[in-house]
N, C-alpha and C. Protein backbone atom coordinates (compact mmCIF):
# COMPACT_ATOMS: atom_id res chain seq x y z
N MET A 1 62.61 244.50 -36.87
CA MET A 1 62.27 245.71 -37.53
C MET A 1 63.11 245.53 -38.84
N GLU A 2 62.65 246.12 -39.99
CA GLU A 2 63.16 246.04 -41.19
C GLU A 2 64.64 246.72 -41.21
N ARG A 3 65.54 246.16 -41.98
CA ARG A 3 66.78 246.74 -41.98
C ARG A 3 66.82 248.16 -42.64
N ASN A 4 66.20 248.44 -43.67
CA ASN A 4 66.22 249.77 -44.11
C ASN A 4 65.48 250.83 -43.28
N LYS A 5 64.57 250.33 -42.53
CA LYS A 5 63.96 251.26 -41.66
C LYS A 5 65.03 251.65 -40.45
N VAL A 6 65.80 250.59 -40.06
CA VAL A 6 66.78 250.83 -39.05
C VAL A 6 67.86 251.81 -39.61
N GLU A 7 68.25 251.62 -40.78
CA GLU A 7 69.37 252.33 -41.42
C GLU A 7 68.87 253.79 -41.54
N GLU A 8 67.63 253.98 -41.91
CA GLU A 8 67.08 255.31 -42.01
C GLU A 8 67.00 256.11 -40.75
N LEU A 9 66.53 255.49 -39.76
CA LEU A 9 66.47 256.09 -38.27
C LEU A 9 67.91 256.45 -37.86
N LEU A 10 68.89 255.40 -38.01
CA LEU A 10 70.23 255.78 -37.64
C LEU A 10 70.76 256.89 -38.39
N LEU A 11 70.55 257.01 -39.73
CA LEU A 11 71.14 257.99 -40.52
C LEU A 11 70.44 259.36 -40.19
N LEU A 12 69.24 259.54 -39.81
CA LEU A 12 68.65 260.83 -39.46
C LEU A 12 69.12 261.13 -38.04
N ASN A 13 69.46 260.29 -37.27
CA ASN A 13 69.94 260.51 -35.88
C ASN A 13 71.35 260.43 -35.52
N ALA A 14 72.11 260.16 -36.56
CA ALA A 14 73.66 259.89 -36.24
C ALA A 14 74.38 261.11 -35.67
N SER A 15 73.86 262.27 -35.92
CA SER A 15 74.57 263.49 -35.25
C SER A 15 74.26 263.66 -33.91
N LYS A 16 73.24 262.96 -33.17
CA LYS A 16 72.80 263.04 -31.96
C LYS A 16 73.51 261.79 -31.05
N LEU A 17 74.30 261.01 -31.65
CA LEU A 17 74.78 259.79 -31.02
C LEU A 17 76.29 259.69 -31.23
N PRO A 18 76.93 259.13 -30.36
CA PRO A 18 78.44 258.86 -30.43
C PRO A 18 78.59 257.72 -31.59
N PRO A 19 79.62 257.95 -32.48
CA PRO A 19 79.82 256.84 -33.58
C PRO A 19 80.01 255.49 -32.98
N GLU A 20 80.68 255.43 -31.81
CA GLU A 20 81.02 254.15 -31.40
C GLU A 20 79.72 253.30 -30.88
N GLY A 21 78.66 253.95 -30.59
CA GLY A 21 77.54 253.39 -30.14
C GLY A 21 76.53 252.91 -31.17
N LEU A 22 76.74 253.41 -32.54
CA LEU A 22 75.79 253.05 -33.50
C LEU A 22 75.71 251.64 -33.80
N GLN A 23 76.61 250.81 -33.79
CA GLN A 23 76.53 249.37 -34.03
C GLN A 23 75.54 248.65 -33.01
N MET A 24 75.86 249.09 -31.73
CA MET A 24 75.04 248.50 -30.57
C MET A 24 73.57 248.86 -30.86
N ILE A 25 73.36 250.02 -31.24
CA ILE A 25 71.96 250.57 -31.37
C ILE A 25 71.36 249.78 -32.57
N ARG A 26 72.03 249.61 -33.66
CA ARG A 26 71.61 248.86 -34.85
C ARG A 26 71.13 247.55 -34.47
N GLU A 27 71.98 246.79 -33.82
CA GLU A 27 71.69 245.40 -33.31
C GLU A 27 70.41 245.47 -32.59
N ARG A 28 70.12 246.26 -31.60
CA ARG A 28 69.04 246.23 -30.79
C ARG A 28 67.71 246.60 -31.60
N LEU A 29 67.93 247.64 -32.47
CA LEU A 29 66.78 247.88 -33.47
C LEU A 29 66.32 246.75 -34.24
N LEU A 30 67.28 246.11 -34.93
CA LEU A 30 67.06 244.97 -35.65
C LEU A 30 66.29 243.89 -35.00
N ASN A 31 66.46 243.85 -33.70
CA ASN A 31 65.83 242.80 -32.88
C ASN A 31 64.39 243.19 -32.45
N MET A 32 63.99 244.55 -32.57
CA MET A 32 62.89 245.08 -32.12
C MET A 32 61.74 244.78 -33.28
N GLU A 33 60.43 244.75 -32.71
CA GLU A 33 59.44 244.48 -33.63
C GLU A 33 58.59 245.83 -33.93
N ASP A 34 58.47 246.78 -32.93
CA ASP A 34 57.71 247.94 -33.13
C ASP A 34 58.45 249.13 -33.59
N PHE A 35 58.18 249.50 -34.95
CA PHE A 35 58.83 250.61 -35.38
C PHE A 35 58.54 251.95 -34.83
N THR A 36 57.22 252.04 -34.36
CA THR A 36 56.74 253.40 -33.87
C THR A 36 57.46 253.59 -32.46
N LEU A 37 57.77 252.67 -31.74
CA LEU A 37 58.56 252.69 -30.61
C LEU A 37 59.76 253.32 -30.77
N ALA A 38 60.49 252.96 -31.72
CA ALA A 38 61.79 253.42 -32.12
C ALA A 38 61.72 254.86 -32.59
N GLN A 39 60.68 255.23 -33.23
CA GLN A 39 60.54 256.57 -33.69
C GLN A 39 60.27 257.65 -32.54
N ILE A 40 59.53 257.11 -31.52
CA ILE A 40 59.19 257.85 -30.29
C ILE A 40 60.49 258.10 -29.57
N VAL A 41 61.32 257.00 -29.36
CA VAL A 41 62.47 257.00 -28.57
C VAL A 41 63.46 258.01 -29.20
N PHE A 42 63.66 257.91 -30.60
CA PHE A 42 64.65 258.87 -31.24
C PHE A 42 64.08 260.31 -31.22
N SER A 43 62.92 260.47 -31.10
CA SER A 43 62.41 261.81 -31.23
C SER A 43 62.72 262.53 -29.82
N GLN A 44 62.99 261.87 -28.71
CA GLN A 44 63.18 262.34 -27.53
C GLN A 44 64.76 262.70 -27.31
N LEU A 45 65.63 262.44 -28.20
CA LEU A 45 67.05 262.79 -28.12
C LEU A 45 67.31 264.18 -28.05
N LYS A 46 68.17 264.56 -27.29
CA LYS A 46 68.65 265.94 -27.11
C LYS A 46 69.60 266.33 -28.33
N ASP A 47 69.40 267.59 -28.81
CA ASP A 47 70.29 267.96 -29.83
C ASP A 47 71.59 268.56 -29.35
N PRO A 48 72.76 267.94 -29.75
CA PRO A 48 74.13 268.52 -29.24
C PRO A 48 74.40 269.82 -29.80
N THR A 49 73.91 270.29 -30.89
CA THR A 49 74.08 271.73 -31.34
C THR A 49 73.41 272.69 -30.41
N LEU A 50 72.18 272.31 -30.15
CA LEU A 50 71.45 273.16 -29.21
C LEU A 50 72.16 273.15 -27.82
N ALA A 51 72.73 272.13 -27.42
CA ALA A 51 73.38 272.10 -26.04
C ALA A 51 74.54 273.10 -26.12
N LEU A 52 75.39 273.10 -27.27
CA LEU A 52 76.51 273.99 -27.41
C LEU A 52 76.02 275.43 -27.45
N ILE A 53 74.83 275.62 -28.13
CA ILE A 53 74.42 277.19 -28.10
C ILE A 53 74.07 277.46 -26.69
N LEU A 54 73.34 276.72 -25.95
CA LEU A 54 72.94 276.86 -24.60
C LEU A 54 74.20 277.08 -23.75
N SER A 55 75.28 276.26 -23.95
CA SER A 55 76.43 276.40 -23.27
C SER A 55 77.29 277.75 -23.45
N ILE A 56 77.20 278.23 -24.68
CA ILE A 56 77.78 279.56 -25.01
C ILE A 56 77.03 280.70 -24.43
N VAL A 57 75.76 280.52 -24.49
CA VAL A 57 74.91 281.72 -24.23
C VAL A 57 74.61 281.85 -22.63
N ILE A 58 74.24 280.63 -22.06
CA ILE A 58 73.66 280.69 -20.68
C ILE A 58 74.37 279.40 -19.95
N GLY A 59 75.44 279.04 -20.45
CA GLY A 59 76.07 277.86 -19.76
C GLY A 59 76.55 278.17 -18.36
N TYR A 60 76.90 279.44 -18.10
CA TYR A 60 77.48 280.06 -16.92
C TYR A 60 76.43 279.62 -15.69
N TRP A 61 75.23 279.37 -15.94
CA TRP A 61 74.19 279.09 -14.92
C TRP A 61 73.84 277.56 -15.14
N GLY A 62 74.60 276.74 -15.83
CA GLY A 62 74.33 275.41 -15.82
C GLY A 62 73.23 274.97 -16.79
N ALA A 63 72.58 275.81 -17.71
CA ALA A 63 71.47 275.48 -18.53
C ALA A 63 71.74 274.41 -19.47
N ASP A 64 73.00 274.31 -20.02
CA ASP A 64 73.50 273.28 -20.88
C ASP A 64 73.36 271.93 -20.30
N ARG A 65 73.76 271.82 -19.00
CA ARG A 65 73.73 270.49 -18.33
C ARG A 65 72.34 270.15 -17.90
N PHE A 66 71.63 271.22 -17.52
CA PHE A 66 70.12 270.92 -17.29
C PHE A 66 69.39 270.35 -18.46
N TYR A 67 69.79 271.03 -19.67
CA TYR A 67 69.13 270.47 -20.96
C TYR A 67 69.35 269.10 -21.24
N ILE A 68 70.66 268.76 -21.06
CA ILE A 68 70.92 267.18 -21.50
C ILE A 68 70.47 266.25 -20.26
N GLY A 69 70.10 266.73 -19.11
CA GLY A 69 69.79 265.94 -18.05
C GLY A 69 70.67 265.65 -16.99
N ASP A 70 71.83 266.38 -16.95
CA ASP A 70 72.87 266.27 -15.92
C ASP A 70 72.43 267.17 -14.88
N MET A 71 71.52 266.72 -14.02
CA MET A 71 70.91 267.74 -12.96
C MET A 71 72.00 268.07 -11.94
N GLY A 72 72.81 267.17 -11.53
CA GLY A 72 73.74 267.40 -10.58
C GLY A 72 74.88 268.43 -10.93
N ILE A 73 75.43 268.22 -12.10
CA ILE A 73 76.41 269.11 -12.62
C ILE A 73 75.76 270.43 -12.96
N GLY A 74 74.59 270.47 -13.45
CA GLY A 74 73.86 271.74 -13.74
C GLY A 74 73.70 272.51 -12.34
N LEU A 75 73.41 271.82 -11.34
CA LEU A 75 73.23 272.45 -10.15
C LEU A 75 74.55 272.97 -9.41
N GLY A 76 75.66 272.20 -9.79
CA GLY A 76 76.87 272.69 -9.39
C GLY A 76 77.39 273.87 -10.07
N LYS A 77 77.02 274.02 -11.40
CA LYS A 77 77.44 275.16 -12.12
C LYS A 77 76.69 276.35 -11.69
N LEU A 78 75.40 276.16 -11.49
CA LEU A 78 74.54 277.17 -10.99
C LEU A 78 74.94 277.78 -9.70
N LEU A 79 75.30 277.00 -8.78
CA LEU A 79 75.76 277.38 -7.42
C LEU A 79 77.18 277.98 -7.30
N THR A 80 77.95 277.69 -8.30
CA THR A 80 79.25 278.17 -8.35
C THR A 80 79.63 279.14 -9.41
N CYS A 81 78.65 279.63 -9.92
CA CYS A 81 78.60 280.52 -11.11
C CYS A 81 79.56 280.04 -12.18
N GLY A 82 79.17 278.91 -12.61
CA GLY A 82 80.00 278.28 -13.74
C GLY A 82 81.32 277.89 -13.26
N GLY A 83 81.55 277.44 -11.95
CA GLY A 83 82.84 277.07 -11.45
C GLY A 83 83.84 278.24 -11.64
N ALA A 84 83.51 279.45 -11.32
CA ALA A 84 84.31 280.60 -11.42
C ALA A 84 84.84 280.73 -12.96
N TRP A 85 83.95 280.51 -13.79
CA TRP A 85 84.19 280.57 -15.29
C TRP A 85 84.98 279.42 -15.76
N ILE A 86 85.65 278.71 -15.03
CA ILE A 86 86.47 277.67 -15.43
C ILE A 86 85.62 276.47 -15.99
N TRP A 87 84.59 276.11 -15.28
CA TRP A 87 83.82 274.94 -15.67
C TRP A 87 83.02 275.36 -16.85
N TYR A 88 82.64 276.58 -17.07
CA TYR A 88 81.79 277.14 -18.09
C TYR A 88 82.65 277.02 -19.38
N VAL A 89 83.89 277.46 -19.39
CA VAL A 89 84.79 277.44 -20.62
C VAL A 89 84.99 275.91 -20.95
N ILE A 90 85.27 275.08 -20.08
CA ILE A 90 85.62 273.77 -20.39
C ILE A 90 84.38 273.11 -20.91
N ASP A 91 83.27 273.46 -20.43
CA ASP A 91 81.79 272.78 -21.06
C ASP A 91 81.58 273.19 -22.50
N ILE A 92 82.10 274.36 -22.79
CA ILE A 92 81.89 274.75 -24.20
C ILE A 92 82.56 273.82 -25.21
N PHE A 93 83.58 273.23 -24.70
CA PHE A 93 84.33 272.23 -25.61
C PHE A 93 83.91 270.73 -25.43
N LEU A 94 83.38 270.52 -24.32
CA LEU A 94 82.79 269.19 -24.01
C LEU A 94 81.42 268.85 -24.13
N ILE A 95 80.58 269.85 -24.18
CA ILE A 95 79.12 269.56 -24.09
C ILE A 95 78.48 268.84 -25.04
N MET A 96 79.08 268.91 -26.34
CA MET A 96 78.41 268.20 -27.52
C MET A 96 78.73 266.75 -27.33
N ASP A 97 79.89 266.22 -26.87
CA ASP A 97 80.16 264.87 -26.50
C ASP A 97 79.28 264.35 -25.32
N ALA A 98 79.20 265.16 -24.53
CA ALA A 98 78.40 264.83 -23.27
C ALA A 98 76.87 264.59 -23.61
N ALA A 99 76.43 265.52 -24.57
CA ALA A 99 75.10 265.35 -24.99
C ALA A 99 74.92 264.02 -25.81
N LYS A 100 75.88 263.86 -26.61
CA LYS A 100 75.79 262.42 -27.51
C LYS A 100 75.91 261.27 -26.53
N LYS A 101 76.65 261.31 -25.55
CA LYS A 101 76.79 260.13 -24.63
C LYS A 101 75.44 259.92 -23.80
N LYS A 102 74.92 261.10 -23.38
CA LYS A 102 73.64 261.04 -22.56
C LYS A 102 72.58 260.51 -23.53
N ASN A 103 72.57 260.79 -24.62
CA ASN A 103 71.51 260.26 -25.73
C ASN A 103 71.62 258.78 -25.83
N LEU A 104 72.98 258.39 -25.94
CA LEU A 104 73.24 256.88 -26.08
C LEU A 104 72.70 256.22 -24.84
N GLU A 105 72.96 256.68 -23.62
CA GLU A 105 72.56 256.03 -22.37
C GLU A 105 71.13 256.08 -22.37
N THR A 106 70.49 257.03 -22.60
CA THR A 106 68.94 257.06 -22.66
C THR A 106 68.39 256.13 -23.69
N LEU A 107 68.94 256.10 -24.95
CA LEU A 107 68.46 255.11 -25.88
C LEU A 107 68.61 253.84 -25.54
N LEU A 108 69.80 253.42 -24.95
CA LEU A 108 70.08 252.09 -24.59
C LEU A 108 69.09 251.49 -23.51
N ILE A 109 68.71 252.40 -22.60
CA ILE A 109 67.80 252.07 -21.57
C ILE A 109 66.42 251.77 -22.10
N GLN A 110 65.99 252.70 -22.90
CA GLN A 110 64.65 252.65 -23.56
C GLN A 110 64.56 251.42 -24.46
N LEU A 111 65.59 250.91 -25.10
CA LEU A 111 65.63 249.96 -26.18
C LEU A 111 65.70 248.54 -25.32
N ARG A 112 65.73 248.41 -24.20
CA ARG A 112 65.94 247.17 -23.51
C ARG A 112 64.81 246.17 -23.82
């Protein structure tokens, strides 16, 4: 794939990915041939800001974790009422990084 297209994709989606994973993704994208595949993959990334909003508003029921794809943790929060509010409060501070890491995992799997 062309270098300028790769840089454009990364620039547009940098807020959805952890900074330490950008170089690894850049290398994989440069070795890809199909630009449309990369666009489709990037369009499926979860927005960390939306995850934070969900965490604040209805994170008590695990909606934030369900949104980013952590079904087990989401179910745990749902069944324990946010871990007696403790898990709920902790996730407000951690959900954005968790969403970015989950996006990185998803992206690396799809770019194999």
